[in-house]
Amino acid sequence: MEGKVLRKLFLGFIQIHILHHANEHPIFGLWMLDELKEHGYEMSAGTLYPILHSMEAEGLLIKEERNVEGKIRKYYTTTIKGNAVLIEARKKAYELFKEIK
């Protein structure tokens, strides 16, 4: 039970993290996995890619396919909606962290 609750909570943090980086520059899955790992989030590509796909389906990210050394790599950047969600999430996170600190 506890693991399920934490997983749901961390999913929100991961999505904010994705929006933050996709707002700064185009990201791709393997880079994002490494970035999340640096912050203590251990996950597989099989977990991350569905998150990216659902964020794209929700209109938060837009995907661009690029040929990199003969292979197609999918890069994600935030949409206008994604940027708006990121701004609101930052405000809410800031307020929450001030309170629980």
PDB file of N, CA and C in Angstrom:
ATOM      1  N   MET A   1       0.827  -1.198   0.000  1.00  0.00           N
ATOM      2  CA  MET A   1       0.000   0.000   0.000  1.00  0.00           C
ATOM      3  C   MET A   1       0.869   1.259   0.000  1.00  0.00           C
ATOM      4  N   GLU A   2       1.849   1.291   0.904  1.00  0.00           N
ATOM      5  CA  GLU A   2       2.710   2.460   1.031  1.00  0.00           C
ATOM      6  C   GLU A   2       3.471   2.731  -0.275  1.00  0.00           C
ATOM      7  N   GLY A   3       3.945   1.664  -0.914  1.00  0.00           N
ATOM      8  CA  GLY A   3       4.671   1.795  -2.171  1.00  0.00           C
ATOM      9  C   GLY A   3       3.814   2.406  -3.264  1.00  0.00           C
ATOM     10  N   LYS A   4       2.541   2.015  -3.296  1.00  0.00           N
ATOM     11  CA  LYS A   4       1.616   2.546  -4.297  1.00  0.00           C
ATOM     12  C   LYS A   4       1.408   4.051  -4.121  1.00  0.00           C
ATOM     13  N   VAL A   5       1.259   4.462  -2.890  1.00  0.00           N
ATOM     14  CA  VAL A   5       1.038   5.877  -2.586  1.00  0.00           C
ATOM     15  C   VAL A   5       2.270   6.684  -2.987  1.00  0.00           C
ATOM     16  N   LEU A   6       3.448   6.194  -2.602  1.00  0.00           N
ATOM     17  CA  LEU A   6       4.687   6.892  -2.956  1.00  0.00           C
ATOM     18  C   LEU A   6       4.879   6.949  -4.477  1.00  0.00           C
ATOM     19  N   ARG A   7       4.547   5.865  -5.159  1.00  0.00           N
ATOM     20  CA  ARG A   7       4.680   5.833  -6.612  1.00  0.00           C
ATOM     21  C   ARG A   7       3.811   6.911  -7.268  1.00  0.00           C
ATOM     22  N   LYS A   8       2.579   7.041  -6.795  1.00  0.00           N
ATOM     23  CA  LYS A   8       1.681   8.084  -7.317  1.00  0.00           C
ATOM     24  C   LYS A   8       2.239   9.482  -7.051  1.00  0.00           C
ATOM     25  N   LEU A   9       2.724   9.683  -5.842  1.00  0.00           N
ATOM     26  CA  LEU A   9       3.292  10.973  -5.463  1.00  0.00           C
ATOM     27  C   LEU A   9       4.513  11.296  -6.321  1.00  0.00           C
ATOM     28  N   PHE A  10       5.414  10.329  -6.465  1.00  0.00           N
ATOM     29  CA  PHE A  10       6.623  10.550  -7.239  1.00  0.00           C
ATOM     30  C   PHE A  10       6.324  10.745  -8.717  1.00  0.00           C
ATOM     31  N   LEU A  11       5.255  10.150  -9.222  1.00  0.00           N
ATOM     32  CA  LEU A  11       4.880  10.353 -10.615  1.00  0.00           C
ATOM     33  C   LEU A  11       4.635  11.823 -10.900  1.00  0.00           C
ATOM     34  N   GLY A  12       3.993  12.519  -9.989  1.00  0.00           N
ATOM     35  CA  GLY A  12       3.778  13.954 -10.151  1.00  0.00           C
ATOM     36  C   GLY A  12       5.096  14.711 -10.165  1.00  0.00           C
ATOM     37  N   PHE A  13       6.012  14.344  -9.257  1.00  0.00           N
ATOM     38  CA  PHE A  13       7.325  14.988  -9.233  1.00  0.00           C
ATOM     39  C   PHE A  13       8.078  14.739 -10.539  1.00  0.00           C
ATOM     40  N   ILE A  14       8.000  13.504 -11.024  1.00  0.00           N
ATOM     41  CA  ILE A  14       8.683  13.144 -12.271  1.00  0.00           C
ATOM     42  C   ILE A  14       8.121  13.943 -13.431  1.00  0.00           C
ATOM     43  N   GLN A  15       6.812  14.091 -13.495  1.00  0.00           N
ATOM     44  CA  GLN A  15       6.201  14.853 -14.579  1.00  0.00           C
ATOM     45  C   GLN A  15       6.618  16.320 -14.534  1.00  0.00           C
ATOM     46  N   ILE A  16       6.707  16.892 -13.341  1.00  0.00           N
ATOM     47  CA  ILE A  16       7.179  18.274 -13.218  1.00  0.00           C
ATOM     48  C   ILE A  16       8.634  18.363 -13.680  1.00  0.00           C
ATOM     49  N   HIS A  17       9.411  17.382 -13.295  1.00  0.00           N
ATOM     50  CA  HIS A  17      10.825  17.340 -13.701  1.00  0.00           C
ATOM     51  C   HIS A  17      10.946  17.282 -15.226  1.00  0.00           C
ATOM     52  N   ILE A  18      10.130  16.443 -15.847  1.00  0.00           N
ATOM     53  CA  ILE A  18      10.129  16.323 -17.312  1.00  0.00           C
ATOM     54  C   ILE A  18       9.746  17.655 -17.943  1.00  0.00           C
ATOM     55  N   LEU A  19       8.685  18.273 -17.458  1.00  0.00           N
ATOM     56  CA  LEU A  19       8.256  19.563 -18.012  1.00  0.00           C
ATOM     57  C   LEU A  19       9.349  20.616 -17.852  1.00  0.00           C
ATOM     58  N   HIS A  20       9.997  20.628 -16.708  1.00  0.00           N
ATOM     59  CA  HIS A  20      11.071  21.598 -16.464  1.00  0.00           C
ATOM     60  C   HIS A  20      12.169  21.473 -17.521  1.00  0.00           C
ATOM     61  N   HIS A  21      12.649  20.262 -17.726  1.00  0.00           N
ATOM     62  CA  HIS A  21      13.754  20.081 -18.680  1.00  0.00           C
ATOM     63  C   HIS A  21      13.298  20.243 -20.127  1.00  0.00           C
ATOM     64  N   ALA A  22      12.103  19.771 -20.446  1.00  0.00           N
ATOM     65  CA  ALA A  22      11.597  19.914 -21.815  1.00  0.00           C
ATOM     66  C   ALA A  22      11.311  21.371 -22.144  1.00  0.00           C
ATOM     67  N   ASN A  23      11.132  22.186 -21.121  1.00  0.00           N
ATOM     68  CA  ASN A  23      10.954  23.623 -21.313  1.00  0.00           C
ATOM     69  C   ASN A  23      12.298  24.301 -21.584  1.00  0.00           C
ATOM     70  N   GLU A  24      13.363  23.771 -20.983  1.00  0.00           N
ATOM     71  CA  GLU A  24      14.703  24.345 -21.168  1.00  0.00           C
ATOM     72  C   GLU A  24      15.304  23.997 -22.522  1.00  0.00           C
ATOM     73  N   HIS A  25      15.101  22.748 -22.959  1.00  0.00           N
ATOM     74  CA  HIS A  25      15.666  22.266 -24.229  1.00  0.00           C
ATOM     75  C   HIS A  25      14.985  20.952 -24.592  1.00  0.00           C
ATOM     76  N   PRO A  26      15.036  20.569 -25.861  1.00  0.00           N
ATOM     77  CA  PRO A  26      14.444  19.280 -26.234  1.00  0.00           C
ATOM     78  C   PRO A  26      15.126  18.134 -25.477  1.00  0.00           C
ATOM     79  N   ILE A  27      14.332  17.201 -25.001  1.00  0.00           N
ATOM     80  CA  ILE A  27      14.853  16.052 -24.259  1.00  0.00           C
ATOM     81  C   ILE A  27      14.516  14.769 -25.005  1.00  0.00           C
ATOM     82  N   PHE A  28      15.284  13.712 -24.744  1.00  0.00           N
ATOM     83  CA  PHE A  28      14.931  12.393 -25.258  1.00  0.00           C
ATOM     84  C   PHE A  28      14.994  11.404 -24.098  1.00  0.00           C
ATOM     85  N   GLY A  29      14.379  10.262 -24.278  1.00  0.00           N
ATOM     86  CA  GLY A  29      14.165   9.318 -23.192  1.00  0.00           C
ATOM     87  C   GLY A  29      15.398   8.924 -22.403  1.00  0.00           C
ATOM     88  N   LEU A  30      16.448   8.482 -23.075  1.00  0.00           N
ATOM     89  CA  LEU A  30      17.640   8.030 -22.368  1.00  0.00           C
ATOM     90  C   LEU A  30      18.266   9.155 -21.557  1.00  0.00           C
ATOM     91  N   TRP A  31      18.312  10.364 -22.120  1.00  0.00           N
ATOM     92  CA  TRP A  31      18.838  11.509 -21.378  1.00  0.00           C
ATOM     93  C   TRP A  31      17.996  11.748 -20.121  1.00  0.00           C
ATOM     94  N   MET A  32      16.674  11.670 -20.280  1.00  0.00           N
ATOM     95  CA  MET A  32      15.781  11.926 -19.145  1.00  0.00           C
ATOM     96  C   MET A  32      15.939  10.844 -18.090  1.00  0.00           C
ATOM     97  N   LEU A  33      16.122   9.587 -18.488  1.00  0.00           N
ATOM     98  CA  LEU A  33      16.352   8.514 -17.517  1.00  0.00           C
ATOM     99  C   LEU A  33      17.594   8.806 -16.687  1.00  0.00           C
ATOM    100  N   ASP A  34      18.681   9.228 -17.354  1.00  0.00           N
ATOM    101  CA  ASP A  34      19.920   9.566 -16.643  1.00  0.00           C
ATOM    102  C   ASP A  34      19.715  10.752 -15.703  1.00  0.00           C
ATOM    103  N   GLU A  35      18.990  11.755 -16.166  1.00  0.00           N
ATOM    104  CA  GLU A  35      18.725  12.939 -15.346  1.00  0.00           C
ATOM    105  C   GLU A  35      17.923  12.567 -14.100  1.00  0.00           C
ATOM    106  N   LEU A  36      16.882  11.781 -14.276  1.00  0.00           N
ATOM    107  CA  LEU A  36      16.058  11.370 -13.142  1.00  0.00           C
ATOM    108  C   LEU A  36      16.863  10.513 -12.163  1.00  0.00           C
ATOM    109  N   LYS A  37      17.741   9.673 -12.702  1.00  0.00           N
ATOM    110  CA  LYS A  37      18.584   8.825 -11.857  1.00  0.00           C
ATOM    111  C   LYS A  37      19.468   9.684 -10.952  1.00  0.00           C
ATOM    112  N   GLU A  38      19.984  10.791 -11.485  1.00  0.00           N
ATOM    113  CA  GLU A  38      20.813  11.702 -10.694  1.00  0.00           C
ATOM    114  C   GLU A  38      20.052  12.266  -9.494  1.00  0.00           C
ATOM    115  N   HIS A  39      18.730  12.285  -9.586  1.00  0.00           N
ATOM    116  CA  HIS A  39      17.897  12.830  -8.515  1.00  0.00           C
ATOM    117  C   HIS A  39      17.226  11.734  -7.687  1.00  0.00           C
ATOM    118  N   GLY A  40      17.708  10.503  -7.847  1.00  0.00           N
ATOM    119  CA  GLY A  40      17.223   9.401  -7.012  1.00  0.00           C
ATOM    120  C   GLY A  40      16.026   8.644  -7.533  1.00  0.00           C
ATOM    121  N   TYR A  41      15.598   8.916  -8.749  1.00  0.00           N
ATOM    122  CA  TYR A  41      14.461   8.194  -9.326  1.00  0.00           C
ATOM    123  C   TYR A  41      14.994   7.059 -10.192  1.00  0.00           C
ATOM    124  N   GLU A  42      14.875   5.850  -9.696  1.00  0.00           N
ATOM    125  CA  GLU A  42      15.294   4.662 -10.440  1.00  0.00           C
ATOM    126  C   GLU A  42      14.091   4.162 -11.230  1.00  0.00           C
ATOM    127  N   MET A  43      14.182   4.225 -12.538  1.00  0.00           N
ATOM    128  CA  MET A  43      13.087   3.722 -13.355  1.00  0.00           C
ATOM    129  C   MET A  43      13.634   3.177 -14.657  1.00  0.00           C
ATOM    130  N   SER A  44      12.851   2.359 -15.290  1.00  0.00           N
ATOM    131  CA  SER A  44      13.250   1.764 -16.561  1.00  0.00           C
ATOM    132  C   SER A  44      12.637   2.550 -17.712  1.00  0.00           C
ATOM    133  N   ALA A  45      13.150   2.289 -18.901  1.00  0.00           N
ATOM    134  CA  ALA A  45      12.576   2.902 -20.102  1.00  0.00           C
ATOM    135  C   ALA A  45      11.112   2.493 -20.245  1.00  0.00           C
ATOM    136  N   GLY A  46      10.793   1.274 -19.823  1.00  0.00           N
ATOM    137  CA  GLY A  46       9.418   0.780 -19.892  1.00  0.00           C
ATOM    138  C   GLY A  46       8.457   1.536 -18.984  1.00  0.00           C
ATOM    139  N   THR A  47       8.999   2.252 -18.016  1.00  0.00           N
ATOM    140  CA  THR A  47       8.183   3.105 -17.157  1.00  0.00           C
ATOM    141  C   THR A  47       8.150   4.529 -17.683  1.00  0.00           C
ATOM    142  N   LEU A  48       9.302   5.033 -18.129  1.00  0.00           N
ATOM    143  CA  LEU A  48       9.382   6.429 -18.576  1.00  0.00           C
ATOM    144  C   LEU A  48       8.621   6.681 -19.870  1.00  0.00           C
ATOM    145  N   TYR A  49       8.794   5.808 -20.867  1.00  0.00           N
ATOM    146  CA  TYR A  49       8.185   6.098 -22.169  1.00  0.00           C
ATOM    147  C   TYR A  49       6.663   6.211 -22.127  1.00  0.00           C
ATOM    148  N   PRO A  50       5.959   5.371 -21.377  1.00  0.00           N
ATOM    149  CA  PRO A  50       4.505   5.596 -21.261  1.00  0.00           C
ATOM    150  C   PRO A  50       4.155   6.943 -20.621  1.00  0.00           C
ATOM    151  N   ILE A  51       4.997   7.408 -19.694  1.00  0.00           N
ATOM    152  CA  ILE A  51       4.767   8.726 -19.086  1.00  0.00           C
ATOM    153  C   ILE A  51       4.913   9.808 -20.152  1.00  0.00           C
ATOM    154  N   LEU A  52       5.989   9.726 -20.943  1.00  0.00           N
ATOM    155  CA  LEU A  52       6.192  10.704 -22.026  1.00  0.00           C
ATOM    156  C   LEU A  52       5.040  10.665 -23.020  1.00  0.00           C
ATOM    157  N   HIS A  53       4.607   9.456 -23.391  1.00  0.00           N
ATOM    158  CA  HIS A  53       3.511   9.325 -24.358  1.00  0.00           C
ATOM    159  C   HIS A  53       2.205   9.896 -23.811  1.00  0.00           C
ATOM    160  N   SER A  54       1.944   9.661 -22.525  1.00  0.00           N
ATOM    161  CA  SER A  54       0.692  10.194 -21.958  1.00  0.00           C
ATOM    162  C   SER A  54       0.759  11.717 -21.847  1.00  0.00           C
ATOM    163  N   MET A  55       1.942  12.251 -21.527  1.00  0.00           N
ATOM    164  CA  MET A  55       2.079  13.712 -21.459  1.00  0.00           C
ATOM    165  C   MET A  55       1.917  14.321 -22.854  1.00  0.00           C
ATOM    166  N   GLU A  56       2.382  13.610 -23.861  1.00  0.00           N
ATOM    167  CA  GLU A  56       2.183  14.073 -25.238  1.00  0.00           C
ATOM    168  C   GLU A  56       0.692  14.018 -25.589  1.00  0.00           C
ATOM    169  N   ALA A  57       0.024  12.929 -25.242  1.00  0.00           N
ATOM    170  CA  ALA A  57      -1.406  12.773 -25.530  1.00  0.00           C
ATOM    171  C   ALA A  57      -2.242  13.840 -24.817  1.00  0.00           C
ATOM    172  N   GLU A  58      -1.784  14.269 -23.635  1.00  0.00           N
ATOM    173  CA  GLU A  58      -2.490  15.311 -22.879  1.00  0.00           C
ATOM    174  C   GLU A  58      -2.184  16.709 -23.390  1.00  0.00           C
ATOM    175  N   GLY A  59      -1.298  16.810 -24.383  1.00  0.00           N
ATOM    176  CA  GLY A  59      -0.983  18.108 -24.964  1.00  0.00           C
ATOM    177  C   GLY A  59       0.049  18.901 -24.185  1.00  0.00           C
ATOM    178  N   LEU A  60       0.798  18.228 -23.292  1.00  0.00           N
ATOM    179  CA  LEU A  60       1.821  18.914 -22.503  1.00  0.00           C
ATOM    180  C   LEU A  60       3.177  18.934 -23.211  1.00  0.00           C
ATOM    181  N   LEU A  61       3.416  17.921 -24.028  1.00  0.00           N
ATOM    182  CA  LEU A  61       4.671  17.798 -24.770  1.00  0.00           C
ATOM    183  C   LEU A  61       4.373  17.624 -26.250  1.00  0.00           C
ATOM    184  N   ILE A  62       5.322  18.037 -27.055  1.00  0.00           N
ATOM    185  CA  ILE A  62       5.251  17.778 -28.490  1.00  0.00           C
ATOM    186  C   ILE A  62       6.509  17.017 -28.873  1.00  0.00           C
ATOM    187  N   LYS A  63       6.341  16.046 -29.760  1.00  0.00           N
ATOM    188  CA  LYS A  63       7.438  15.165 -30.148  1.00  0.00           C
ATOM    189  C   LYS A  63       7.959  15.538 -31.534  1.00  0.00           C
ATOM    190  N   GLU A  64       9.274  15.509 -31.661  1.00  0.00           N
ATOM    191  CA  GLU A  64       9.925  15.717 -32.954  1.00  0.00           C
ATOM    192  C   GLU A  64      10.893  14.562 -33.164  1.00  0.00           C
ATOM    193  N   GLU A  65      10.770  13.897 -34.296  1.00  0.00           N
ATOM    194  CA  GLU A  65      11.686  12.795 -34.590  1.00  0.00           C
ATOM    195  C   GLU A  65      12.867  13.318 -35.392  1.00  0.00           C
ATOM    196  N   ARG A  66      14.080  12.946 -34.947  1.00  0.00           N
ATOM    197  CA  ARG A  66      15.309  13.361 -35.615  1.00  0.00           C
ATOM    198  C   ARG A  66      16.157  12.137 -35.916  1.00  0.00           C
ATOM    199  N   ASN A  67      16.850  12.198 -37.030  1.00  0.00           N
ATOM    200  CA  ASN A  67      17.778  11.134 -37.394  1.00  0.00           C
ATOM    201  C   ASN A  67      19.114  11.431 -36.725  1.00  0.00           C
ATOM    202  N   VAL A  68      19.518  10.554 -35.823  1.00  0.00           N
ATOM    203  CA  VAL A  68      20.784  10.709 -35.104  1.00  0.00           C
ATOM    204  C   VAL A  68      21.625   9.470 -35.383  1.00  0.00           C
ATOM    205  N   GLU A  69      22.670   9.655 -36.145  1.00  0.00           N
ATOM    206  CA  GLU A  69      23.575   8.562 -36.510  1.00  0.00           C
ATOM    207  C   GLU A  69      22.816   7.387 -37.110  1.00  0.00           C
ATOM    208  N   GLY A  70      21.871   7.682 -37.995  1.00  0.00           N
ATOM    209  CA  GLY A  70      21.124   6.651 -38.694  1.00  0.00           C
ATOM    210  C   GLY A  70      19.945   6.072 -37.927  1.00  0.00           C
ATOM    211  N   LYS A  71      19.715   6.537 -36.719  1.00  0.00           N
ATOM    212  CA  LYS A  71      18.581   6.049 -35.924  1.00  0.00           C
ATOM    213  C   LYS A  71      17.630   7.202 -35.630  1.00  0.00           C
ATOM    214  N   ILE A  72      16.353   6.889 -35.543  1.00  0.00           N
ATOM    215  CA  ILE A  72      15.352   7.911 -35.229  1.00  0.00           C
ATOM    216  C   ILE A  72      15.289   8.082 -33.712  1.00  0.00           C
ATOM    217  N   ARG A  73      15.506   9.314 -33.275  1.00  0.00           N
ATOM    218  CA  ARG A  73      15.413   9.639 -31.848  1.00  0.00           C
ATOM    219  C   ARG A  73      14.255  10.616 -31.681  1.00  0.00           C
ATOM    220  N   LYS A  74      13.441  10.369 -30.663  1.00  0.00           N
ATOM    221  CA  LYS A  74      12.281  11.223 -30.399  1.00  0.00           C
ATOM    222  C   LYS A  74      12.660  12.256 -29.335  1.00  0.00           C
ATOM    223  N   TYR A  75      12.534  13.514 -29.707  1.00  0.00           N
ATOM    224  CA  TYR A  75      12.805  14.622 -28.793  1.00  0.00           C
ATOM    225  C   TYR A  75      11.479  15.242 -28.373  1.00  0.00           C
ATOM    226  N   TYR A  76      11.391  15.622 -27.120  1.00  0.00           N
ATOM    227  CA  TYR A  76      10.172  16.216 -26.580  1.00  0.00           C
ATOM    228  C   TYR A  76      10.457  17.626 -26.072  1.00  0.00           C
ATOM    229  N   THR A  77       9.541  18.531 -26.360  1.00  0.00           N
ATOM    230  CA  THR A  77       9.579  19.885 -25.814  1.00  0.00           C
ATOM    231  C   THR A  77       8.181  20.208 -25.290  1.00  0.00           C
ATOM    232  N   THR A  78       8.120  21.191 -24.412  1.00  0.00           N
ATOM    233  CA  THR A  78       6.813  21.558 -23.857  1.00  0.00           C
ATOM    234  C   THR A  78       5.998  22.342 -24.883  1.00  0.00           C
ATOM    235  N   THR A  79       4.705  22.205 -24.757  1.00  0.00           N
ATOM    236  CA  THR A  79       3.763  22.994 -25.547  1.00  0.00           C
ATOM    237  C   THR A  79       3.393  24.229 -24.725  1.00  0.00           C
ATOM    238  N   ILE A  80       2.572  25.086 -25.285  1.00  0.00           N
ATOM    239  CA  ILE A  80       2.066  26.236 -24.524  1.00  0.00           C
ATOM    240  C   ILE A  80       1.321  25.744 -23.287  1.00  0.00           C
ATOM    241  N   LYS A  81       0.509  24.716 -23.456  1.00  0.00           N
ATOM    242  CA  LYS A  81      -0.211  24.134 -22.319  1.00  0.00           C
ATOM    243  C   LYS A  81       0.771  23.564 -21.291  1.00  0.00           C
ATOM    244  N   GLY A  82       1.807  22.879 -21.768  1.00  0.00           N
ATOM    245  CA  GLY A  82       2.821  22.323 -20.876  1.00  0.00           C
ATOM    246  C   GLY A  82       3.535  23.402 -20.084  1.00  0.00           C
ATOM    247  N   ASN A  83       3.841  24.512 -20.745  1.00  0.00           N
ATOM    248  CA  ASN A  83       4.484  25.635 -20.053  1.00  0.00           C
ATOM    249  C   ASN A  83       3.571  26.201 -18.974  1.00  0.00           C
ATOM    250  N   ALA A  84       2.284  26.328 -19.290  1.00  0.00           N
ATOM    251  CA  ALA A  84       1.326  26.856 -18.312  1.00  0.00           C
ATOM    252  C   ALA A  84       1.204  25.920 -17.108  1.00  0.00           C
ATOM    253  N   VAL A  85       1.168  24.626 -17.365  1.00  0.00           N
ATOM    254  CA  VAL A  85       1.090  23.650 -16.282  1.00  0.00           C
ATOM    255  C   VAL A  85       2.359  23.719 -15.426  1.00  0.00           C
ATOM    256  N   LEU A  86       3.504  23.862 -16.059  1.00  0.00           N
ATOM    257  CA  LEU A  86       4.772  23.962 -15.330  1.00  0.00           C
ATOM    258  C   LEU A  86       4.783  25.186 -14.419  1.00  0.00           C
ATOM    259  N   ILE A  87       4.332  26.309 -14.921  1.00  0.00           N
ATOM    260  CA  ILE A  87       4.285  27.538 -14.112  1.00  0.00           C
ATOM    261  C   ILE A  87       3.397  27.332 -12.890  1.00  0.00           C
ATOM    262  N   GLU A  88       2.234  26.753 -13.096  1.00  0.00           N
ATOM    263  CA  GLU A  88       1.317  26.512 -11.976  1.00  0.00           C
ATOM    264  C   GLU A  88       1.894  25.484 -11.000  1.00  0.00           C
ATOM    265  N   ALA A  89       2.528  24.428 -11.518  1.00  0.00           N
ATOM    266  CA  ALA A  89       3.122  23.403 -10.659  1.00  0.00           C
ATOM    267  C   ALA A  89       4.246  23.992  -9.817  1.00  0.00           C
ATOM    268  N   ARG A  90       5.038  24.880 -10.400  1.00  0.00           N
ATOM    269  CA  ARG A  90       6.115  25.530  -9.636  1.00  0.00           C
ATOM    270  C   ARG A  90       5.540  26.339  -8.470  1.00  0.00           C
ATOM    271  N   LYS A  91       4.463  27.074  -8.733  1.00  0.00           N
ATOM    272  CA  LYS A  91       3.835  27.863  -7.668  1.00  0.00           C
ATOM    273  C   LYS A  91       3.346  26.958  -6.547  1.00  0.00           C
ATOM    274  N   LYS A  92       2.650  25.901  -6.912  1.00  0.00           N
ATOM    275  CA  LYS A  92       2.093  24.984  -5.912  1.00  0.00           C
ATOM    276  C   LYS A  92       3.215  24.284  -5.148  1.00  0.00           C
ATOM    277  N   ALA A  93       4.254  23.843  -5.850  1.00  0.00           N
ATOM    278  CA  ALA A  93       5.379  23.165  -5.195  1.00  0.00           C
ATOM    279  C   ALA A  93       6.080  24.109  -4.228  1.00  0.00           C
ATOM    280  N   TYR A  94       6.271  25.347  -4.637  1.00  0.00           N
ATOM    281  CA  TYR A  94       6.933  26.327  -3.787  1.00  0.00           C
ATOM    282  C   TYR A  94       6.140  26.528  -2.490  1.00  0.00           C
ATOM    283  N   GLU A  95       4.837  26.691  -2.626  1.00  0.00           N
ATOM    284  CA  GLU A  95       3.986  26.882  -1.453  1.00  0.00           C
ATOM    285  C   GLU A  95       4.035  25.653  -0.543  1.00  0.00           C
ATOM    286  N   LEU A  96       3.966  24.473  -1.137  1.00  0.00           N
ATOM    287  CA  LEU A  96       3.987  23.244  -0.358  1.00  0.00           C
ATOM    288  C   LEU A  96       5.313  23.097   0.381  1.00  0.00           C
ATOM    289  N   PHE A  97       6.413  23.310  -0.306  1.00  0.00           N
ATOM    290  CA  PHE A  97       7.723  23.121   0.320  1.00  0.00           C
ATOM    291  C   PHE A  97       7.981  24.155   1.411  1.00  0.00           C
ATOM    292  N   LYS A  98       7.455  25.374   1.243  1.00  0.00           N
ATOM    293  CA  LYS A  98       7.567  26.365   2.320  1.00  0.00           C
ATOM    294  C   LYS A  98       6.838  25.872   3.554  1.00  0.00           C
ATOM    295  N   GLU A  99       5.687  25.267   3.354  1.00  0.00           N
ATOM    296  CA  GLU A  99       4.870  24.822   4.470  1.00  0.00           C
ATOM    297  C   GLU A  99       5.458  23.617   5.187  1.00  0.00           C
ATOM    298  N   ILE A 100       5.967  22.651   4.427  1.00  0.00           N
ATOM    299  CA  ILE A 100       6.424  21.401   5.060  1.00  0.00           C
ATOM    300  C   ILE A 100       7.882  21.439   5.488  1.00  0.00           C
ATOM    301  N   LYS A 101       8.595  22.481   5.149  1.00  0.00           N
ATOM    302  CA  LYS A 101      10.018  22.579   5.491  1.00  0.00           C
ATOM    303  C   LYS A 101      10.232  22.739   6.971  1.00  0.00           C
TER     304      LYS A 101
END
